[in-house]
Amino acid sequence: MDFLADLFKLLVFPGFLFVVNFGLFLEWVDRKIYARMQHRVGPPWYQPWLDTIKLFTKEDVIPEKANPFMFTFLPVLDLAAAVTAFLYLPFGGFSSVNPFPGDLVVVVFFLTLSTLLLFLIGWYSGSPFGRVGSLRAVTQFLAYEVPLVLSLLTPALLAGSWSISTIKIVMAQNLSRFLPVTLLALAVSLLSLQGKLLRVPFDAPEAETEIVAGPLTEYTGRRLAFIRLAERAELVVGAGLISNLFLPFDKVLGMLGFFVSCVVVVFGLSVLRASFARLRIEDTTLISWKYLIPFSALGMALAIMVRG
């Protein structure tokens, strides 16, 4: 029975099926908000599911210059890494599948692994556009991973713990006391997550007007579907992590609070996406090193002083 219960958690809830479907729902929310900000109607709620089914039905092509094993294996590993990261997130009154005192570090590690896998996906595709996009992706990774990690560690310093559940409890109990530091770290984390997920205006690694689709140029069919699902799962993990650390609505509203806080995070990302045009890769990295990293370091310094 324990085996069946664990299998249910991994494959159904809160595992693969839940993460994938929640990710597709957040994609619809993102596309709908983005469309409304451009005075368009936007897609119906079921459009992300139809797009995914369409990709799975398309022909799979392996380029002549690609490494066949890596070309097939890396998209699956990318999705697995993103789904695994969510298993360590508490949500809606539920504890994570495997809670332990350092689960924040594990979630950050899996998010980092997803970005490195995107680099390998483009590098082993055999396409020059894929390799250029991969180099841009790893450059952007170096720029935005640092402020994202520093901003996520700020609540950990305030709470004096590396456990996401403990951090959430302490932050909810001391919201007014920690509010100035929390707002600064939240702003940095949202901007850094936007850059990490390669979303506009930080989408230079996948710029279709410059390098076709960057690391994904040669991907079609189910392999591309796995990569797109991994991107949606990363959005769920990123939104869920920020929700747990900065917006603990589920302490009051339960599961509904978790969904609401994730939608609030996606709304912020959608506003950023609709408000700015794509930046050049050098401008993208400059913003991080000149503004985000100093502000994230300032947030950590303030957290140490407040915790004092």
C-alpha atoms as a PDB file:
ATOM      1  CA  MET A   1       0.000   0.000   0.000  1.00  0.00           C
ATOM      2  CA  ASP A   2       2.851   2.368   0.772  1.00  0.00           C
ATOM      3  CA  PHE A   3       4.256   1.721  -2.700  1.00  0.00           C
ATOM      4  CA  LEU A   4       0.908   2.528  -4.344  1.00  0.00           C
ATOM      5  CA  ALA A   5       0.536   5.670  -2.237  1.00  0.00           C
ATOM      6  CA  ASP A   6       4.023   6.845  -3.207  1.00  0.00           C
ATOM      7  CA  LEU A   7       3.328   6.041  -6.867  1.00  0.00           C
ATOM      8  CA  PHE A   8       0.105   8.078  -6.705  1.00  0.00           C
ATOM      9  CA  LYS A   9       2.011  11.023  -5.252  1.00  0.00           C
ATOM     10  CA  LEU A  10       4.662  10.846  -7.974  1.00  0.00           C
ATOM     11  CA  LEU A  11       2.388  10.369 -10.974  1.00  0.00           C
ATOM     12  CA  VAL A  12      -0.937  11.963 -10.038  1.00  0.00           C
ATOM     13  CA  PHE A  13      -1.022  14.334  -7.043  1.00  0.00           C
ATOM     14  CA  PRO A  14       1.035  16.345  -6.294  1.00  0.00           C
ATOM     15  CA  GLY A  15       3.260  14.836  -8.970  1.00  0.00           C
ATOM     16  CA  PHE A  16       3.349  14.686 -12.732  1.00  0.00           C
ATOM     17  CA  LEU A  17      -0.319  15.049 -13.754  1.00  0.00           C
ATOM     18  CA  PHE A  18      -1.046  17.837 -11.282  1.00  0.00           C
ATOM     19  CA  VAL A  19       2.088  19.838 -12.140  1.00  0.00           C
ATOM     20  CA  VAL A  20       1.569  19.512 -15.900  1.00  0.00           C
ATOM     21  CA  ASN A  21      -2.106  20.479 -15.797  1.00  0.00           C
ATOM     22  CA  PHE A  22      -1.546  23.326 -13.356  1.00  0.00           C
ATOM     23  CA  GLY A  23       1.288  24.537 -15.572  1.00  0.00           C
ATOM     24  CA  LEU A  24      -0.987  24.533 -18.627  1.00  0.00           C
ATOM     25  CA  PHE A  25      -3.595  26.436 -16.608  1.00  0.00           C
ATOM     26  CA  LEU A  26      -1.020  29.068 -15.615  1.00  0.00           C
ATOM     27  CA  GLU A  27       0.033  29.295 -19.258  1.00  0.00           C
ATOM     28  CA  TRP A  28      -3.571  30.110 -20.162  1.00  0.00           C
ATOM     29  CA  VAL A  29      -3.708  32.739 -17.387  1.00  0.00           C
ATOM     30  CA  ASP A  30      -0.476  34.251 -18.693  1.00  0.00           C
ATOM     31  CA  ARG A  31      -1.653  34.301 -22.307  1.00  0.00           C
ATOM     32  CA  LYS A  32      -5.059  35.699 -21.338  1.00  0.00           C
ATOM     33  CA  ILE A  33      -3.610  38.541 -19.258  1.00  0.00           C
ATOM     34  CA  TYR A  34      -1.029  39.280 -21.954  1.00  0.00           C
ATOM     35  CA  ALA A  35      -3.767  39.427 -24.593  1.00  0.00           C
ATOM     36  CA  ARG A  36      -6.063  41.661 -22.548  1.00  0.00           C
ATOM     37  CA  MET A  37      -3.208  44.122 -21.943  1.00  0.00           C
ATOM     38  CA  GLN A  38      -2.871  44.335 -25.743  1.00  0.00           C
ATOM     39  CA  HIS A  39      -6.646  44.785 -26.206  1.00  0.00           C
ATOM     40  CA  ARG A  40      -7.079  41.280 -27.597  1.00  0.00           C
ATOM     41  CA  VAL A  41      -9.511  38.579 -26.498  1.00  0.00           C
ATOM     42  CA  GLY A  42      -6.955  35.874 -25.864  1.00  0.00           C
ATOM     43  CA  PRO A  43      -7.279  32.088 -26.177  1.00  0.00           C
ATOM     44  CA  PRO A  44     -10.033  29.915 -24.643  1.00  0.00           C
ATOM     45  CA  TRP A  45      -9.146  28.091 -21.423  1.00  0.00           C
ATOM     46  CA  TYR A  46      -8.524  24.762 -23.180  1.00  0.00           C
ATOM     47  CA  GLN A  47      -6.093  26.123 -25.808  1.00  0.00           C
ATOM     48  CA  PRO A  48      -2.835  25.094 -23.995  1.00  0.00           C
ATOM     49  CA  TRP A  49      -4.076  21.493 -23.776  1.00  0.00           C
ATOM     50  CA  LEU A  50      -4.933  21.474 -27.492  1.00  0.00           C
ATOM     51  CA  ASP A  51      -1.510  22.906 -28.369  1.00  0.00           C
ATOM     52  CA  THR A  52       0.181  20.162 -26.341  1.00  0.00           C
ATOM     53  CA  ILE A  53      -1.878  17.405 -27.982  1.00  0.00           C
ATOM     54  CA  LYS A  54      -1.058  18.867 -31.395  1.00  0.00           C
ATOM     55  CA  LEU A  55       2.672  18.719 -30.660  1.00  0.00           C
ATOM     56  CA  PHE A  56       2.445  15.074 -29.576  1.00  0.00           C
ATOM     57  CA  THR A  57       0.748  14.179 -32.867  1.00  0.00           C
ATOM     58  CA  LYS A  58       3.340  15.887 -35.088  1.00  0.00           C
ATOM     59  CA  GLU A  59       6.216  14.079 -36.771  1.00  0.00           C
ATOM     60  CA  ASP A  60       9.449  13.666 -34.830  1.00  0.00           C
ATOM     61  CA  VAL A  61      12.607  14.485 -36.772  1.00  0.00           C
ATOM     62  CA  ILE A  62      16.179  13.919 -35.576  1.00  0.00           C
ATOM     63  CA  PRO A  63      18.652  16.184 -37.444  1.00  0.00           C
ATOM     64  CA  GLU A  64      21.589  14.483 -39.137  1.00  0.00           C
ATOM     65  CA  LYS A  65      24.148  16.413 -37.050  1.00  0.00           C
ATOM     66  CA  ALA A  66      22.367  15.901 -33.721  1.00  0.00           C
ATOM     67  CA  ASN A  67      23.365  13.377 -31.074  1.00  0.00           C
ATOM     68  CA  PRO A  68      20.364  10.973 -31.226  1.00  0.00           C
ATOM     69  CA  PHE A  69      20.536   9.809 -27.611  1.00  0.00           C
ATOM     70  CA  MET A  70      20.993  13.253 -26.055  1.00  0.00           C
ATOM     71  CA  PHE A  71      18.478  14.757 -28.477  1.00  0.00           C
ATOM     72  CA  THR A  72      15.832  12.342 -27.163  1.00  0.00           C
ATOM     73  CA  PHE A  73      16.881  11.969 -23.527  1.00  0.00           C
ATOM     74  CA  LEU A  74      17.443  15.612 -22.516  1.00  0.00           C
ATOM     75  CA  PRO A  75      13.836  16.864 -23.038  1.00  0.00           C
ATOM     76  CA  VAL A  76      12.515  14.026 -20.855  1.00  0.00           C
ATOM     77  CA  LEU A  77      15.136  14.759 -18.174  1.00  0.00           C
ATOM     78  CA  ASP A  78      14.228  18.451 -18.321  1.00  0.00           C
ATOM     79  CA  LEU A  79      10.577  17.687 -17.559  1.00  0.00           C
ATOM     80  CA  ALA A  80      11.532  15.195 -14.845  1.00  0.00           C
ATOM     81  CA  ALA A  81      13.755  17.763 -13.098  1.00  0.00           C
ATOM     82  CA  ALA A  82      10.999  20.400 -13.062  1.00  0.00           C
ATOM     83  CA  VAL A  83       8.344  17.986 -11.746  1.00  0.00           C
ATOM     84  CA  THR A  84      10.730  16.650  -9.085  1.00  0.00           C
ATOM     85  CA  ALA A  85      11.359  20.182  -7.822  1.00  0.00           C
ATOM     86  CA  PHE A  86       7.645  20.643  -7.160  1.00  0.00           C
ATOM     87  CA  LEU A  87       7.542  17.523  -4.990  1.00  0.00           C
ATOM     88  CA  TYR A  88       9.560  19.416  -2.370  1.00  0.00           C
ATOM     89  CA  LEU A  89       7.115  22.345  -2.230  1.00  0.00           C
ATOM     90  CA  PRO A  90       4.396  22.509   0.439  1.00  0.00           C
ATOM     91  CA  PHE A  91       1.133  24.007  -0.766  1.00  0.00           C
ATOM     92  CA  GLY A  92      -2.447  24.595   0.276  1.00  0.00           C
ATOM     93  CA  GLY A  93      -2.015  23.149   3.742  1.00  0.00           C
ATOM     94  CA  PHE A  94      -0.330  20.011   2.359  1.00  0.00           C
ATOM     95  CA  SER A  95       3.254  19.236   3.262  1.00  0.00           C
ATOM     96  CA  SER A  96       5.662  18.313   0.484  1.00  0.00           C
ATOM     97  CA  VAL A  97       6.167  14.688  -0.504  1.00  0.00           C
ATOM     98  CA  ASN A  98       9.531  14.550   1.244  1.00  0.00           C
ATOM     99  CA  PRO A  99       9.945  17.514   3.639  1.00  0.00           C
ATOM    100  CA  PHE A 100      13.305  17.968   5.347  1.00  0.00           C
ATOM    101  CA  PRO A 101      15.260  20.912   6.819  1.00  0.00           C
ATOM    102  CA  GLY A 102      17.126  21.772   3.599  1.00  0.00           C
ATOM    103  CA  ASP A 103      14.389  21.411   0.979  1.00  0.00           C
ATOM    104  CA  LEU A 104      14.772  25.038  -0.187  1.00  0.00           C
ATOM    105  CA  VAL A 105      18.282  24.218  -1.421  1.00  0.00           C
ATOM    106  CA  VAL A 106      16.968  21.161  -3.296  1.00  0.00           C
ATOM    107  CA  VAL A 107      14.270  23.159  -5.102  1.00  0.00           C
ATOM    108  CA  VAL A 108      16.791  25.825  -6.127  1.00  0.00           C
ATOM    109  CA  PHE A 109      19.134  23.070  -7.354  1.00  0.00           C
ATOM    110  CA  PHE A 110      16.477  21.524  -9.601  1.00  0.00           C
ATOM    111  CA  LEU A 111      15.577  24.941 -11.028  1.00  0.00           C
ATOM    112  CA  THR A 112      19.253  25.464 -11.796  1.00  0.00           C
ATOM    113  CA  LEU A 113      19.467  22.013 -13.390  1.00  0.00           C
ATOM    114  CA  SER A 114      16.601  22.875 -15.753  1.00  0.00           C
ATOM    115  CA  THR A 115      18.523  25.868 -17.108  1.00  0.00           C
ATOM    116  CA  LEU A 116      21.690  23.817 -17.606  1.00  0.00           C
ATOM    117  CA  LEU A 117      19.649  21.162 -19.423  1.00  0.00           C
ATOM    118  CA  LEU A 118      18.336  23.825 -21.804  1.00  0.00           C
ATOM    119  CA  PHE A 119      21.945  24.662 -22.662  1.00  0.00           C
ATOM    120  CA  LEU A 120      22.672  20.997 -23.424  1.00  0.00           C
ATOM    121  CA  ILE A 121      19.441  20.664 -25.421  1.00  0.00           C
ATOM    122  CA  GLY A 122      20.566  23.344 -27.843  1.00  0.00           C
ATOM    123  CA  TRP A 123      24.219  22.274 -27.871  1.00  0.00           C
ATOM    124  CA  TYR A 124      23.507  18.654 -28.856  1.00  0.00           C
ATOM    125  CA  SER A 125      20.910  19.604 -31.501  1.00  0.00           C
ATOM    126  CA  GLY A 126      23.666  20.149 -34.070  1.00  0.00           C
ATOM    127  CA  SER A 127      22.197  23.480 -35.178  1.00  0.00           C
ATOM    128  CA  PRO A 128      24.241  26.691 -35.236  1.00  0.00           C
ATOM    129  CA  PHE A 129      21.132  28.582 -34.138  1.00  0.00           C
ATOM    130  CA  GLY A 130      20.733  26.109 -31.272  1.00  0.00           C
ATOM    131  CA  ARG A 131      24.329  26.604 -30.140  1.00  0.00           C
ATOM    132  CA  VAL A 132      24.082  30.389 -30.264  1.00  0.00           C
ATOM    133  CA  GLY A 133      20.865  30.184 -28.257  1.00  0.00           C
ATOM    134  CA  SER A 134      22.510  27.810 -25.791  1.00  0.00           C
ATOM    135  CA  LEU A 135      25.402  30.181 -25.218  1.00  0.00           C
ATOM    136  CA  ARG A 136      22.953  33.014 -24.672  1.00  0.00           C
ATOM    137  CA  ALA A 137      20.943  30.844 -22.270  1.00  0.00           C
ATOM    138  CA  VAL A 138      23.980  29.968 -20.143  1.00  0.00           C
ATOM    139  CA  THR A 139      25.091  33.629 -20.188  1.00  0.00           C
ATOM    140  CA  GLN A 140      21.680  34.675 -18.960  1.00  0.00           C
ATOM    141  CA  PHE A 141      21.747  31.834 -16.450  1.00  0.00           C
ATOM    142  CA  LEU A 142      24.921  33.228 -14.886  1.00  0.00           C
ATOM    143  CA  ALA A 143      23.322  36.673 -14.744  1.00  0.00           C
ATOM    144  CA  TYR A 144      19.926  35.814 -13.256  1.00  0.00           C
ATOM    145  CA  GLU A 145      20.572  32.726 -11.173  1.00  0.00           C
ATOM    146  CA  VAL A 146      22.617  34.742  -8.673  1.00  0.00           C
ATOM    147  CA  PRO A 147      19.994  37.420  -7.840  1.00  0.00           C
ATOM    148  CA  LEU A 148      17.212  34.809  -7.851  1.00  0.00           C
ATOM    149  CA  VAL A 149      19.030  32.623  -5.320  1.00  0.00           C
ATOM    150  CA  LEU A 150      19.998  35.618  -3.158  1.00  0.00           C
ATOM    151  CA  SER A 151      16.423  36.941  -3.133  1.00  0.00           C
ATOM    152  CA  LEU A 152      15.040  33.498  -2.243  1.00  0.00           C
ATOM    153  CA  LEU A 153      17.570  33.115   0.547  1.00  0.00           C
ATOM    154  CA  THR A 154      16.501  36.425   2.093  1.00  0.00           C
ATOM    155  CA  PRO A 155      13.342  34.913   3.692  1.00  0.00           C
ATOM    156  CA  ALA A 156      15.484  31.984   4.821  1.00  0.00           C
ATOM    157  CA  LEU A 157      17.763  34.400   6.697  1.00  0.00           C
ATOM    158  CA  LEU A 158      14.747  36.184   8.189  1.00  0.00           C
ATOM    159  CA  ALA A 159      13.277  32.884   9.352  1.00  0.00           C
ATOM    160  CA  GLY A 160      16.584  31.321  10.377  1.00  0.00           C
ATOM    161  CA  SER A 161      15.810  28.111   8.509  1.00  0.00           C
ATOM    162  CA  TRP A 162      16.332  26.337   5.162  1.00  0.00           C
ATOM    163  CA  SER A 163      12.980  24.558   5.409  1.00  0.00           C
ATOM    164  CA  ILE A 164      10.281  26.024   3.142  1.00  0.00           C
ATOM    165  CA  SER A 165       7.513  25.059   5.585  1.00  0.00           C
ATOM    166  CA  THR A 166       9.270  26.734   8.500  1.00  0.00           C
ATOM    167  CA  ILE A 167      10.049  29.850   6.461  1.00  0.00           C
ATOM    168  CA  LYS A 168       6.406  30.135   5.427  1.00  0.00           C
ATOM    169  CA  ILE A 169       5.204  29.920   9.036  1.00  0.00           C
ATOM    170  CA  VAL A 170       7.723  32.458  10.338  1.00  0.00           C
ATOM    171  CA  MET A 171       7.063  34.898   7.478  1.00  0.00           C
ATOM    172  CA  ALA A 172       3.295  34.704   8.066  1.00  0.00           C
ATOM    173  CA  GLN A 173       3.732  35.358  11.790  1.00  0.00           C
ATOM    174  CA  ASN A 174       6.106  38.335  11.294  1.00  0.00           C
ATOM    175  CA  LEU A 175       4.663  39.853   8.130  1.00  0.00           C
ATOM    176  CA  SER A 176       4.561  43.485   9.306  1.00  0.00           C
ATOM    177  CA  ARG A 177       8.035  43.312  10.841  1.00  0.00           C
ATOM    178  CA  PHE A 178       9.676  41.829   7.757  1.00  0.00           C
ATOM    179  CA  LEU A 179       7.564  43.701   5.157  1.00  0.00           C
ATOM    180  CA  PRO A 180      10.167  46.241   3.824  1.00  0.00           C
ATOM    181  CA  VAL A 181      12.816  43.559   3.320  1.00  0.00           C
ATOM    182  CA  THR A 182      10.236  41.149   1.918  1.00  0.00           C
ATOM    183  CA  LEU A 183       8.984  43.621  -0.692  1.00  0.00           C
ATOM    184  CA  LEU A 184      12.523  44.286  -1.934  1.00  0.00           C
ATOM    185  CA  ALA A 185      13.331  40.572  -2.176  1.00  0.00           C
ATOM    186  CA  LEU A 186       9.970  39.878  -3.845  1.00  0.00           C
ATOM    187  CA  ALA A 187      10.595  42.495  -6.549  1.00  0.00           C
ATOM    188  CA  VAL A 188      14.070  41.110  -7.263  1.00  0.00           C
ATOM    189  CA  SER A 189      12.797  37.517  -7.318  1.00  0.00           C
ATOM    190  CA  LEU A 190      10.030  38.344  -9.814  1.00  0.00           C
ATOM    191  CA  LEU A 191      12.441  40.085 -12.205  1.00  0.00           C
ATOM    192  CA  SER A 192      15.015  37.309 -11.799  1.00  0.00           C
ATOM    193  CA  LEU A 193      12.410  34.594 -12.387  1.00  0.00           C
ATOM    194  CA  GLN A 194      11.325  36.369 -15.558  1.00  0.00           C
ATOM    195  CA  GLY A 195      14.911  36.285 -16.771  1.00  0.00           C
ATOM    196  CA  LYS A 196      15.462  32.696 -15.689  1.00  0.00           C
ATOM    197  CA  LEU A 197      12.373  31.507 -17.560  1.00  0.00           C
ATOM    198  CA  LEU A 198      13.574  33.380 -20.687  1.00  0.00           C
ATOM    199  CA  ARG A 199      10.391  35.412 -20.905  1.00  0.00           C
ATOM    200  CA  VAL A 200      10.043  38.809 -22.586  1.00  0.00           C
ATOM    201  CA  PRO A 201      11.929  41.111 -22.242  1.00  0.00           C
ATOM    202  CA  PHE A 202      14.643  38.574 -21.342  1.00  0.00           C
ATOM    203  CA  ASP A 203      13.995  36.128 -24.198  1.00  0.00           C
ATOM    204  CA  ALA A 204      17.157  36.760 -26.238  1.00  0.00           C
ATOM    205  CA  PRO A 205      18.159  33.028 -26.121  1.00  0.00           C
ATOM    206  CA  GLU A 206      14.960  32.128 -28.036  1.00  0.00           C
ATOM    207  CA  ALA A 207      14.630  35.280 -30.145  1.00  0.00           C
ATOM    208  CA  GLU A 208      12.673  34.126 -33.207  1.00  0.00           C
ATOM    209  CA  THR A 209      13.553  37.216 -35.237  1.00  0.00           C
ATOM    210  CA  GLU A 210      17.291  36.629 -34.719  1.00  0.00           C
ATOM    211  CA  ILE A 211      18.053  32.922 -34.186  1.00  0.00           C
ATOM    212  CA  VAL A 212      14.768  31.197 -35.161  1.00  0.00           C
ATOM    213  CA  ALA A 213      14.036  29.535 -31.786  1.00  0.00           C
ATOM    214  CA  GLY A 214      17.487  29.317 -30.227  1.00  0.00           C
ATOM    215  CA  PRO A 215      18.087  26.004 -28.417  1.00  0.00           C
ATOM    216  CA  LEU A 216      14.736  24.635 -29.645  1.00  0.00           C
ATOM    217  CA  THR A 217      15.238  25.319 -33.359  1.00  0.00           C
ATOM    218  CA  GLU A 218      15.570  21.654 -34.397  1.00  0.00           C
ATOM    219  CA  TYR A 219      12.944  20.232 -32.057  1.00  0.00           C
ATOM    220  CA  THR A 220       9.557  19.023 -33.254  1.00  0.00           C
ATOM    221  CA  GLY A 221       6.781  16.688 -32.158  1.00  0.00           C
ATOM    222  CA  ARG A 222       6.809  15.030 -28.766  1.00  0.00           C
ATOM    223  CA  ARG A 223      10.368  16.149 -27.936  1.00  0.00           C
ATOM    224  CA  LEU A 224       9.305  19.780 -28.291  1.00  0.00           C
ATOM    225  CA  ALA A 225       6.155  18.957 -26.300  1.00  0.00           C
ATOM    226  CA  PHE A 226       8.283  17.629 -23.426  1.00  0.00           C
ATOM    227  CA  ILE A 227      10.376  20.815 -23.443  1.00  0.00           C
ATOM    228  CA  ARG A 228       7.286  23.032 -23.478  1.00  0.00           C
ATOM    229  CA  LEU A 229       5.748  21.039 -20.631  1.00  0.00           C
ATOM    230  CA  ALA A 230       9.019  21.402 -18.704  1.00  0.00           C
ATOM    231  CA  GLU A 231       8.816  25.182 -19.191  1.00  0.00           C
ATOM    232  CA  ARG A 232       5.263  25.179 -17.811  1.00  0.00           C
ATOM    233  CA  ALA A 233       6.379  23.025 -14.872  1.00  0.00           C
ATOM    234  CA  GLU A 234       9.238  25.451 -14.165  1.00  0.00           C
ATOM    235  CA  LEU A 235       6.692  28.278 -14.121  1.00  0.00           C
ATOM    236  CA  VAL A 236       4.672  26.314 -11.545  1.00  0.00           C
ATOM    237  CA  VAL A 237       7.758  25.692  -9.401  1.00  0.00           C
ATOM    238  CA  GLY A 238       8.931  29.301  -9.638  1.00  0.00           C
ATOM    239  CA  ALA A 239       5.489  30.711  -8.860  1.00  0.00           C
ATOM    240  CA  GLY A 240       4.954  28.147  -6.100  1.00  0.00           C
ATOM    241  CA  LEU A 241       8.313  28.866  -4.492  1.00  0.00           C
ATOM    242  CA  ILE A 242       7.738  32.634  -4.478  1.00  0.00           C
ATOM    243  CA  SER A 243       4.216  32.051  -3.166  1.00  0.00           C
ATOM    244  CA  ASN A 244       5.482  29.953  -0.269  1.00  0.00           C
ATOM    245  CA  LEU A 245       8.252  32.342   0.679  1.00  0.00           C
ATOM    246  CA  PHE A 246       6.586  35.723   0.123  1.00  0.00           C
ATOM    247  CA  LEU A 247       2.803  35.250  -0.294  1.00  0.00           C
ATOM    248  CA  PRO A 248       1.666  32.662   2.256  1.00  0.00           C
ATOM    249  CA  PHE A 249      -2.048  33.059   1.414  1.00  0.00           C
ATOM    250  CA  ASP A 250      -2.619  29.336   1.887  1.00  0.00           C
ATOM    251  CA  LYS A 251      -2.111  29.770   5.637  1.00  0.00           C
ATOM    252  CA  VAL A 252      -5.552  31.445   5.576  1.00  0.00           C
ATOM    253  CA  LEU A 253      -7.262  30.182   2.411  1.00  0.00           C
ATOM    254  CA  GLY A 254      -5.770  26.693   2.112  1.00  0.00           C
ATOM    255  CA  MET A 255      -5.493  25.238  -1.392  1.00  0.00           C
ATOM    256  CA  LEU A 256      -7.388  28.194  -2.871  1.00  0.00           C
ATOM    257  CA  GLY A 257      -4.812  30.517  -1.337  1.00  0.00           C
ATOM    258  CA  PHE A 258      -1.980  28.667  -3.074  1.00  0.00           C
ATOM    259  CA  PHE A 259      -3.732  28.941  -6.444  1.00  0.00           C
ATOM    260  CA  VAL A 260      -4.481  32.628  -5.872  1.00  0.00           C
ATOM    261  CA  SER A 261      -0.896  33.443  -4.900  1.00  0.00           C
ATOM    262  CA  CYS A 262       0.458  31.592  -7.957  1.00  0.00           C
ATOM    263  CA  VAL A 263      -1.931  33.528 -10.205  1.00  0.00           C
ATOM    264  CA  VAL A 264      -0.760  36.770  -8.552  1.00  0.00           C
ATOM    265  CA  VAL A 265       2.856  35.856  -9.372  1.00  0.00           C
ATOM    266  CA  VAL A 266       1.947  34.996 -12.978  1.00  0.00           C
ATOM    267  CA  PHE A 267       0.042  38.278 -13.240  1.00  0.00           C
ATOM    268  CA  GLY A 268       3.200  40.154 -12.258  1.00  0.00           C
ATOM    269  CA  LEU A 269       5.241  38.208 -14.821  1.00  0.00           C
ATOM    270  CA  SER A 270       2.603  38.873 -17.501  1.00  0.00           C
ATOM    271  CA  VAL A 271       2.664  42.612 -16.813  1.00  0.00           C
ATOM    272  CA  LEU A 272       6.446  42.606 -17.243  1.00  0.00           C
ATOM    273  CA  ARG A 273       6.061  40.636 -20.450  1.00  0.00           C
ATOM    274  CA  ALA A 274       3.530  43.082 -21.890  1.00  0.00           C
ATOM    275  CA  SER A 275       5.308  46.255 -20.760  1.00  0.00           C
ATOM    276  CA  PHE A 276       8.716  45.878 -22.397  1.00  0.00           C
ATOM    277  CA  ALA A 277      10.206  44.883 -25.741  1.00  0.00           C
ATOM    278  CA  ARG A 278      12.956  42.284 -26.034  1.00  0.00           C
ATOM    279  CA  LEU A 279      16.357  43.380 -24.761  1.00  0.00           C
ATOM    280  CA  ARG A 280      19.681  42.613 -26.371  1.00  0.00           C
ATOM    281  CA  ILE A 281      21.678  39.928 -24.576  1.00  0.00           C
ATOM    282  CA  GLU A 282      24.274  42.417 -23.346  1.00  0.00           C
ATOM    283  CA  ASP A 283      21.547  44.696 -21.970  1.00  0.00           C
ATOM    284  CA  THR A 284      19.925  41.699 -20.296  1.00  0.00           C
ATOM    285  CA  THR A 285      23.072  40.789 -18.399  1.00  0.00           C
ATOM    286  CA  LEU A 286      23.856  44.442 -17.634  1.00  0.00           C
ATOM    287  CA  ILE A 287      20.508  44.888 -15.849  1.00  0.00           C
ATOM    288  CA  SER A 288      21.248  41.920 -13.644  1.00  0.00           C
ATOM    289  CA  TRP A 289      24.824  42.786 -12.705  1.00  0.00           C
ATOM    290  CA  LYS A 290      24.160  46.516 -12.334  1.00  0.00           C
ATOM    291  CA  TYR A 291      20.820  46.463 -10.500  1.00  0.00           C
ATOM    292  CA  LEU A 292      19.408  43.066  -9.493  1.00  0.00           C
ATOM    293  CA  ILE A 293      22.492  41.588  -7.836  1.00  0.00           C
ATOM    294  CA  PRO A 294      23.258  44.718  -5.749  1.00  0.00           C
ATOM    295  CA  PHE A 295      19.607  44.984  -4.635  1.00  0.00           C
ATOM    296  CA  SER A 296      19.442  41.274  -3.803  1.00  0.00           C
ATOM    297  CA  ALA A 297      22.647  41.614  -1.768  1.00  0.00           C
ATOM    298  CA  LEU A 298      21.135  44.657  -0.040  1.00  0.00           C
ATOM    299  CA  GLY A 299      18.059  42.579   0.804  1.00  0.00           C
ATOM    300  CA  MET A 300      20.219  39.910   2.410  1.00  0.00           C
ATOM    301  CA  ALA A 301      22.135  42.525   4.401  1.00  0.00           C
ATOM    302  CA  LEU A 302      18.861  44.068   5.630  1.00  0.00           C
ATOM    303  CA  ALA A 303      17.575  40.589   6.519  1.00  0.00           C
ATOM    304  CA  ILE A 304      20.656  39.962   8.679  1.00  0.00           C
ATOM    305  CA  MET A 305      20.184  43.319  10.399  1.00  0.00           C
ATOM    306  CA  VAL A 306      16.464  42.821  11.013  1.00  0.00           C
ATOM    307  CA  ARG A 307      16.970  39.262  12.238  1.00  0.00           C
ATOM    308  CA  GLY A 308      19.935  40.500  14.298  1.00  0.00           C
END
